[in-house]
């Protein structure tokens, strides 16, 4: 198996760094950013910080009114309708943005769901794969002309340490033949996210488009964990006995502000100029998980790293080709 070059940069930041800290001194005036899921959790913090640095912000949202209410904290942010489970709405959103004539400098594929009960979209595709990967695949490819027009764009794809639960099962993407397990489906979708960044970068770098996958950390106080039993989170050491989130950045248990930091760094840091196709966490490129530390990495939360299968260029190319067929 080949992999991307996962060489840490010693960025000067770390697990406890916040989005505001990593963007300090960076001026985004004249830049345009789209942030999916940019009206709650780390997506909202990402949108807020990018906007404060001068970027124009567009937030696609399935619940437009909820988004507008949340984004009162982000003056000037635009809200447009988009449902990642509805291909027609993705095309409509992209067509409207392209018609505006604006280049797209930053595309942050942040929205997602986690460990949900089995659900399918109208095409029969499993919902976690459809929302977390396929919807963002369609959005990114439809917006490609605007990314090219930026003459220097970045695509940031939110992945997760959930890659440990599963790779991409190309023989049964939609759980038609195997038993559905919420975390297995989540792991597959997050591995797909990481692979997508690899292939976006390979295809886009000749046109100035670079891509990065990001693990933001475990941020309990967002809507992402609503389908997970609190008792399971307590058993995992993520909640205390009173049901409150435990904060321990070195164990990936972060605040929203810390969780948005790696996304914002990947989207804006000059240290990443000329780089791409890599997986990042704790505000740096993270190393590959080696065979000798894979067991400790998978069962713990203090060892950084990405599994080779999540940054395998051959699998990334195959996933792109399969995804093209699925959204055709």
Protein backbone atom coordinates (compact mmCIF):
# COMPACT_ATOMS: atom_id res chain seq x y z
CA UNK A 1 0.00 0.00 0.00
CA UNK A 2 1.29 3.44 -0.90
CA UNK A 3 0.49 6.44 1.31
CA UNK A 4 0.77 10.21 1.29
CA UNK A 5 3.82 11.84 2.90
CA UNK A 6 2.61 12.41 6.45
CA UNK A 7 5.48 14.56 7.71
CA UNK A 8 4.69 16.81 10.72
CA UNK A 9 5.77 20.42 10.32
CA UNK A 10 6.25 21.29 14.00
CA UNK A 11 3.71 24.05 13.42
CA UNK A 12 4.22 25.75 16.78
CA UNK A 13 0.64 25.00 17.75
CA UNK A 14 -0.83 22.00 19.54
CA UNK A 15 -3.88 20.16 20.81
CA UNK A 16 -4.97 23.03 23.06
CA UNK A 17 -4.60 25.77 20.43
CA UNK A 18 -7.75 27.62 19.40
CA UNK A 19 -8.96 28.75 16.00
CA UNK A 20 -8.41 32.40 16.95
CA UNK A 21 -4.81 31.67 17.90
CA UNK A 22 -3.90 29.86 14.68
CA UNK A 23 -5.36 32.55 12.39
CA UNK A 24 -3.76 35.48 14.20
CA UNK A 25 -2.07 37.82 11.72
CA UNK A 26 -3.73 36.29 8.63
CA UNK A 27 -5.81 38.65 6.49
CA UNK A 28 -8.56 37.01 4.40
CA UNK A 29 -9.94 40.22 2.91
CA UNK A 30 -11.16 39.48 -0.61
CA UNK A 31 -11.35 35.72 -0.01
CA UNK A 32 -14.58 33.75 -0.30
CA UNK A 33 -15.29 30.73 1.91
CA UNK A 34 -18.08 28.16 1.96
CA UNK A 35 -18.51 26.25 5.24
CA UNK A 36 -21.03 23.41 5.29
CA UNK A 37 -22.57 22.94 8.72
CA UNK A 38 -21.31 26.42 9.48
CA UNK A 39 -24.17 27.25 11.81
CA UNK A 40 -23.47 24.96 14.75
CA UNK A 41 -20.57 23.50 16.72
CA UNK A 42 -17.11 23.74 15.22
CA UNK A 43 -18.59 24.76 11.87
CA UNK A 44 -20.03 27.92 13.41
CA UNK A 45 -16.73 28.69 15.13
CA UNK A 46 -14.90 28.12 11.83
CA UNK A 47 -17.26 30.50 10.01
CA UNK A 48 -16.98 33.10 12.77
CA UNK A 49 -13.18 33.10 12.82
CA UNK A 50 -12.82 33.16 9.02
CA UNK A 51 -15.28 36.04 8.83
CA UNK A 52 -13.45 37.97 11.56
CA UNK A 53 -10.28 37.63 9.46
CA UNK A 54 -12.05 39.32 6.54
CA UNK A 55 -13.41 36.47 4.42
CA UNK A 56 -16.82 36.48 2.77
CA UNK A 57 -18.72 33.55 4.28
CA UNK A 58 -21.43 31.44 2.64
CA UNK A 59 -23.13 28.79 4.76
CA UNK A 60 -25.25 26.13 3.02
CA UNK A 61 -27.96 24.93 5.39
CA UNK A 62 -30.83 22.46 5.41
CA UNK A 63 -32.56 24.52 8.14
CA UNK A 64 -32.22 28.04 6.80
CA UNK A 65 -34.03 29.80 9.63
CA UNK A 66 -32.00 28.04 12.30
CA UNK A 67 -28.84 28.94 10.41
CA UNK A 68 -29.79 32.60 10.12
CA UNK A 69 -30.49 32.76 13.84
CA UNK A 70 -27.17 31.14 14.75
CA UNK A 71 -25.23 33.29 12.29
CA UNK A 72 -26.37 36.55 13.84
CA UNK A 73 -23.03 36.13 15.64
CA UNK A 74 -21.30 36.26 12.24
CA UNK A 75 -22.32 39.59 10.65
CA UNK A 76 -22.49 39.47 6.89
CA UNK A 77 -22.56 35.69 6.57
CA UNK A 78 -24.78 34.49 3.73
CA UNK A 79 -27.14 31.53 4.14
CA UNK A 80 -28.37 29.43 1.23
CA UNK A 81 -30.50 26.29 1.20
CA UNK A 82 -28.75 22.95 0.70
CA UNK A 83 -29.56 19.42 1.86
CA UNK A 84 -26.64 17.01 1.50
CA UNK A 85 -29.14 14.14 1.09
CA UNK A 86 -30.83 15.90 -1.83
CA UNK A 87 -28.72 15.94 -5.01
CA UNK A 88 -30.99 18.47 -6.72
CA UNK A 89 -30.50 20.98 -3.91
CA UNK A 90 -26.71 20.55 -4.14
CA UNK A 91 -26.80 21.33 -7.85
CA UNK A 92 -29.07 24.32 -7.29
CA UNK A 93 -26.78 25.73 -4.61
CA UNK A 94 -23.69 25.24 -6.78
CA UNK A 95 -25.32 26.75 -9.87
CA UNK A 96 -26.37 29.83 -7.91
CA UNK A 97 -22.88 30.29 -6.50
CA UNK A 98 -21.24 29.84 -9.90
CA UNK A 99 -23.69 32.33 -11.41
CA UNK A 100 -22.49 34.94 -8.91
CA UNK A 101 -19.15 34.90 -10.71
CA UNK A 102 -17.15 34.71 -7.51
CA UNK A 103 -14.03 32.59 -7.11
CA UNK A 104 -14.04 30.13 -4.21
CA UNK A 105 -10.87 30.30 -2.15
CA UNK A 106 -11.86 28.10 0.78
CA UNK A 107 -14.28 25.18 0.80
CA UNK A 108 -14.73 23.62 4.23
CA UNK A 109 -16.66 20.34 4.07
CA UNK A 110 -17.57 20.35 7.74
CA UNK A 111 -21.16 19.08 8.03
CA UNK A 112 -21.76 15.51 9.09
CA UNK A 113 -23.67 12.95 11.12
CA UNK A 114 -22.36 10.27 13.45
CA UNK A 115 -23.39 6.75 14.44
CA UNK A 116 -27.02 7.20 13.39
CA UNK A 117 -29.64 4.46 13.14
CA UNK A 118 -29.88 2.95 9.66
CA UNK A 119 -31.38 5.38 7.17
CA UNK A 120 -31.17 5.73 3.39
CA UNK A 121 -31.59 8.55 0.94
CA UNK A 122 -34.02 8.43 -1.99
CA UNK A 123 -31.42 6.54 -4.05
CA UNK A 124 -31.04 3.85 -1.41
CA UNK A 125 -27.61 5.02 -0.28
CA UNK A 126 -26.74 4.64 3.41
CA UNK A 127 -27.17 8.03 5.08
CA UNK A 128 -23.81 8.45 6.82
CA UNK A 129 -21.94 7.71 3.60
CA UNK A 130 -24.38 9.84 1.61
CA UNK A 131 -24.15 12.91 3.86
CA UNK A 132 -20.58 12.75 5.09
CA UNK A 133 -18.99 11.80 1.77
CA UNK A 134 -21.22 11.67 -1.31
CA UNK A 135 -23.01 14.97 -0.71
CA UNK A 136 -19.70 16.74 -0.22
CA UNK A 137 -18.21 14.95 -3.24
CA UNK A 138 -21.03 16.27 -5.41
CA UNK A 139 -20.77 19.77 -3.91
CA UNK A 140 -17.00 19.96 -4.42
CA UNK A 141 -17.06 18.70 -7.99
CA UNK A 142 -19.92 21.04 -8.94
CA UNK A 143 -18.03 23.99 -7.45
CA UNK A 144 -14.77 23.02 -9.17
CA UNK A 145 -14.83 25.92 -11.70
CA UNK A 146 -15.00 28.43 -8.83
CA UNK A 147 -12.12 26.69 -7.04
CA UNK A 148 -10.04 26.89 -10.22
CA UNK A 149 -10.97 30.56 -10.63
CA UNK A 150 -9.51 31.34 -7.19
CA UNK A 151 -6.02 30.63 -8.57
CA UNK A 152 -5.06 29.21 -5.19
CA UNK A 153 -7.87 27.41 -3.34
CA UNK A 154 -7.98 25.05 -0.41
CA UNK A 155 -10.51 22.32 0.31
CA UNK A 156 -10.69 21.11 3.91
CA UNK A 157 -12.53 17.85 4.58
CA UNK A 158 -13.53 16.94 8.12
CA UNK A 159 -12.56 13.38 8.89
CA UNK A 160 -12.25 11.77 12.32
CA UNK A 161 -10.35 9.31 14.45
CA UNK A 162 -13.42 7.24 13.62
CA UNK A 163 -11.36 6.00 10.67
CA UNK A 164 -10.30 3.28 13.10
CA UNK A 165 -13.73 1.66 12.95
CA UNK A 166 -13.67 0.76 9.25
CA UNK A 167 -12.15 1.28 5.85
CA UNK A 168 -14.24 1.71 2.73
CA UNK A 169 -16.01 -1.52 1.76
CA UNK A 170 -16.22 -1.12 -2.00
CA UNK A 171 -18.18 -4.37 -2.27
CA UNK A 172 -20.98 -3.22 0.03
CA UNK A 173 -20.90 0.54 0.52
CA UNK A 174 -24.56 0.75 1.47
CA UNK A 175 -24.90 -2.19 3.85
CA UNK A 176 -27.10 -4.19 1.52
CA UNK A 177 -25.39 -7.49 2.35
CA UNK A 178 -23.77 -6.98 5.75
CA UNK A 179 -25.30 -6.16 9.11
CA UNK A 180 -25.57 -2.44 9.71
CA UNK A 181 -23.52 -1.14 12.61
CA UNK A 182 -23.69 2.62 13.28
CA UNK A 183 -20.01 3.03 14.08
CA UNK A 184 -18.94 0.80 11.20
CA UNK A 185 -20.87 3.05 8.82
CA UNK A 186 -19.43 6.14 10.50
CA UNK A 187 -15.90 4.79 10.19
CA UNK A 188 -16.41 4.02 6.52
CA UNK A 189 -17.66 7.56 5.85
CA UNK A 190 -14.77 9.18 7.74
CA UNK A 191 -12.20 7.05 5.91
CA UNK A 192 -13.93 8.15 2.70
CA UNK A 193 -13.54 11.78 3.80
CA UNK A 194 -9.81 11.34 4.28
CA UNK A 195 -9.39 9.57 0.94
CA UNK A 196 -11.42 12.27 -0.79
CA UNK A 197 -8.94 14.93 0.33
CA UNK A 198 -6.10 12.86 -1.13
CA UNK A 199 -7.76 12.66 -4.55
CA UNK A 200 -9.02 16.27 -4.61
CA UNK A 201 -5.43 17.32 -4.09
CA UNK A 202 -4.06 15.02 -6.78
CA UNK A 203 -6.57 16.19 -9.36
CA UNK A 204 -6.60 19.84 -8.34
CA UNK A 205 -3.01 20.85 -7.65
CA UNK A 206 -2.27 21.63 -11.31
CA UNK A 207 -5.01 24.28 -11.03
CA UNK A 208 -3.89 25.57 -7.65
CA UNK A 209 -6.41 23.53 -5.61
CA UNK A 210 -4.92 21.86 -2.53
CA UNK A 211 -6.84 19.70 -0.08
CA UNK A 212 -6.43 18.57 3.51
CA UNK A 213 -8.28 16.10 5.73
CA UNK A 214 -8.73 17.11 9.36
CA UNK A 215 -9.44 15.31 12.61
CA UNK A 216 -10.87 18.03 14.88
CA UNK A 217 -10.87 16.02 18.11
CA UNK A 218 -13.74 14.80 20.26
CA UNK A 219 -16.06 17.72 20.94
CA UNK A 220 -18.94 16.45 23.06
CA UNK A 221 -21.05 19.62 23.26
CA UNK A 222 -22.18 19.62 19.63
CA UNK A 223 -25.11 17.88 17.97
CA UNK A 224 -22.83 15.24 16.48
CA UNK A 225 -23.10 12.85 19.44
CA UNK A 226 -26.87 13.01 19.87
CA UNK A 227 -27.32 9.39 18.80
CA UNK A 228 -24.76 8.08 21.28
CA UNK A 229 -25.85 6.83 24.71
CA UNK A 230 -24.43 9.16 27.40
CA UNK A 231 -23.54 6.06 29.42
CA UNK A 232 -21.22 5.03 26.59
CA UNK A 233 -19.59 8.45 26.63
CA UNK A 234 -19.12 8.23 30.39
CA UNK A 235 -17.61 4.77 30.06
CA UNK A 236 -15.22 6.14 27.47
CA UNK A 237 -14.14 8.89 29.86
CA UNK A 238 -15.62 11.70 27.78
CA UNK A 239 -18.26 12.74 30.33
CA UNK A 240 -17.88 13.12 34.08
CA UNK A 241 -20.28 11.67 36.67
CA UNK A 242 -22.52 14.74 36.32
CA UNK A 243 -22.75 14.26 32.58
CA UNK A 244 -20.51 17.24 31.78
CA UNK A 245 -17.82 17.10 29.07
CA UNK A 246 -14.30 16.38 30.28
CA UNK A 247 -11.75 18.73 28.73
CA UNK A 248 -8.37 17.17 28.03
CA UNK A 249 -6.94 18.29 24.67
CA UNK A 250 -4.05 15.84 24.85
CA UNK A 251 -6.67 13.07 24.84
CA UNK A 252 -8.53 14.83 21.98
CA UNK A 253 -11.32 16.03 24.31
CA UNK A 254 -11.59 19.62 23.20
CA UNK A 255 -13.69 22.74 23.35
CA UNK A 256 -15.41 23.98 20.22
CA UNK A 257 -12.74 26.68 19.91
CA UNK A 258 -9.97 24.05 20.06
CA UNK A 259 -11.87 21.72 17.75
CA UNK A 260 -12.04 24.35 15.00
CA UNK A 261 -8.33 25.13 15.20
CA UNK A 262 -7.01 22.43 12.86
CA UNK A 263 -9.69 23.23 10.26
CA UNK A 264 -8.81 26.93 10.29
CA UNK A 265 -5.07 26.18 10.19
CA UNK A 266 -5.49 23.82 7.23
CA UNK A 267 -7.60 26.42 5.42
CA UNK A 268 -5.32 29.40 5.97
CA UNK A 269 -1.80 28.66 7.20
CA UNK A 270 1.07 29.84 4.96
CA UNK A 271 3.05 26.89 6.37
CA UNK A 272 0.95 24.65 4.12
CA UNK A 273 1.63 26.54 0.91
CA UNK A 274 2.73 24.05 -1.74
CA UNK A 275 1.51 21.09 0.31
CA UNK A 276 -1.68 19.04 0.23
CA UNK A 277 -3.31 15.65 0.23
CA UNK A 278 -2.41 15.04 3.86
CA UNK A 279 -4.28 14.29 7.07
CA UNK A 280 -3.97 16.77 9.93
CA UNK A 281 -4.73 16.82 13.65
CA UNK A 282 -3.74 18.95 16.64
CA UNK A 283 -2.87 21.79 14.22
CA UNK A 284 -0.19 19.89 12.31
CA UNK A 285 0.25 17.18 9.71
CA UNK A 286 0.04 13.95 11.66
CA UNK A 287 2.36 10.96 11.18
CA UNK A 288 1.37 7.55 9.85
CA UNK A 289 0.30 4.95 12.37
CA UNK A 290 2.93 2.21 12.20
CA UNK A 291 2.11 -1.50 12.54
CA UNK A 292 3.83 -1.68 15.90
CA UNK A 293 1.76 1.11 17.46
CA UNK A 294 -1.56 0.49 15.69
CA UNK A 295 -3.10 -1.43 18.60
CA UNK A 296 -2.20 1.29 21.09
CA UNK A 297 -3.40 4.00 18.69
CA UNK A 298 -6.75 2.27 18.09
CA UNK A 299 -7.54 1.71 21.76
CA UNK A 300 -6.10 4.93 23.17
CA UNK A 301 -6.50 8.62 22.47
CA UNK A 302 -3.10 10.17 23.17
CA UNK A 303 -1.09 8.79 20.25
CA UNK A 304 -1.47 10.96 17.13
CA UNK A 305 -1.56 9.47 13.68
CA UNK A 306 -3.52 8.35 10.64
CA UNK A 307 -4.01 4.80 9.40
CA UNK A 308 -2.32 4.11 6.05
CA UNK A 309 -5.61 2.94 4.51
CA UNK A 310 -7.06 6.45 4.99
CA UNK A 311 -4.30 8.09 2.93
CA UNK A 312 -3.84 5.45 0.24
CA UNK A 313 -3.78 7.17 -3.19
CA UNK A 314 -4.96 4.04 -5.03
CA UNK A 315 -8.00 3.70 -2.79
CA UNK A 316 -8.60 7.44 -3.14
CA UNK A 317 -8.70 7.22 -6.93
CA UNK A 318 -11.02 4.22 -6.77
CA UNK A 319 -13.35 6.03 -4.38
CA UNK A 320 -13.52 9.07 -6.69
CA UNK A 321 -14.43 6.88 -9.66
CA UNK A 322 -17.09 4.99 -7.67
CA UNK A 323 -18.50 8.26 -6.32
CA UNK A 324 -18.81 9.69 -9.84
CA UNK A 325 -20.91 6.70 -10.82
CA UNK A 326 -23.04 6.90 -7.69
CA UNK A 327 -24.02 10.55 -8.24
CA UNK A 328 -24.41 10.27 -12.03
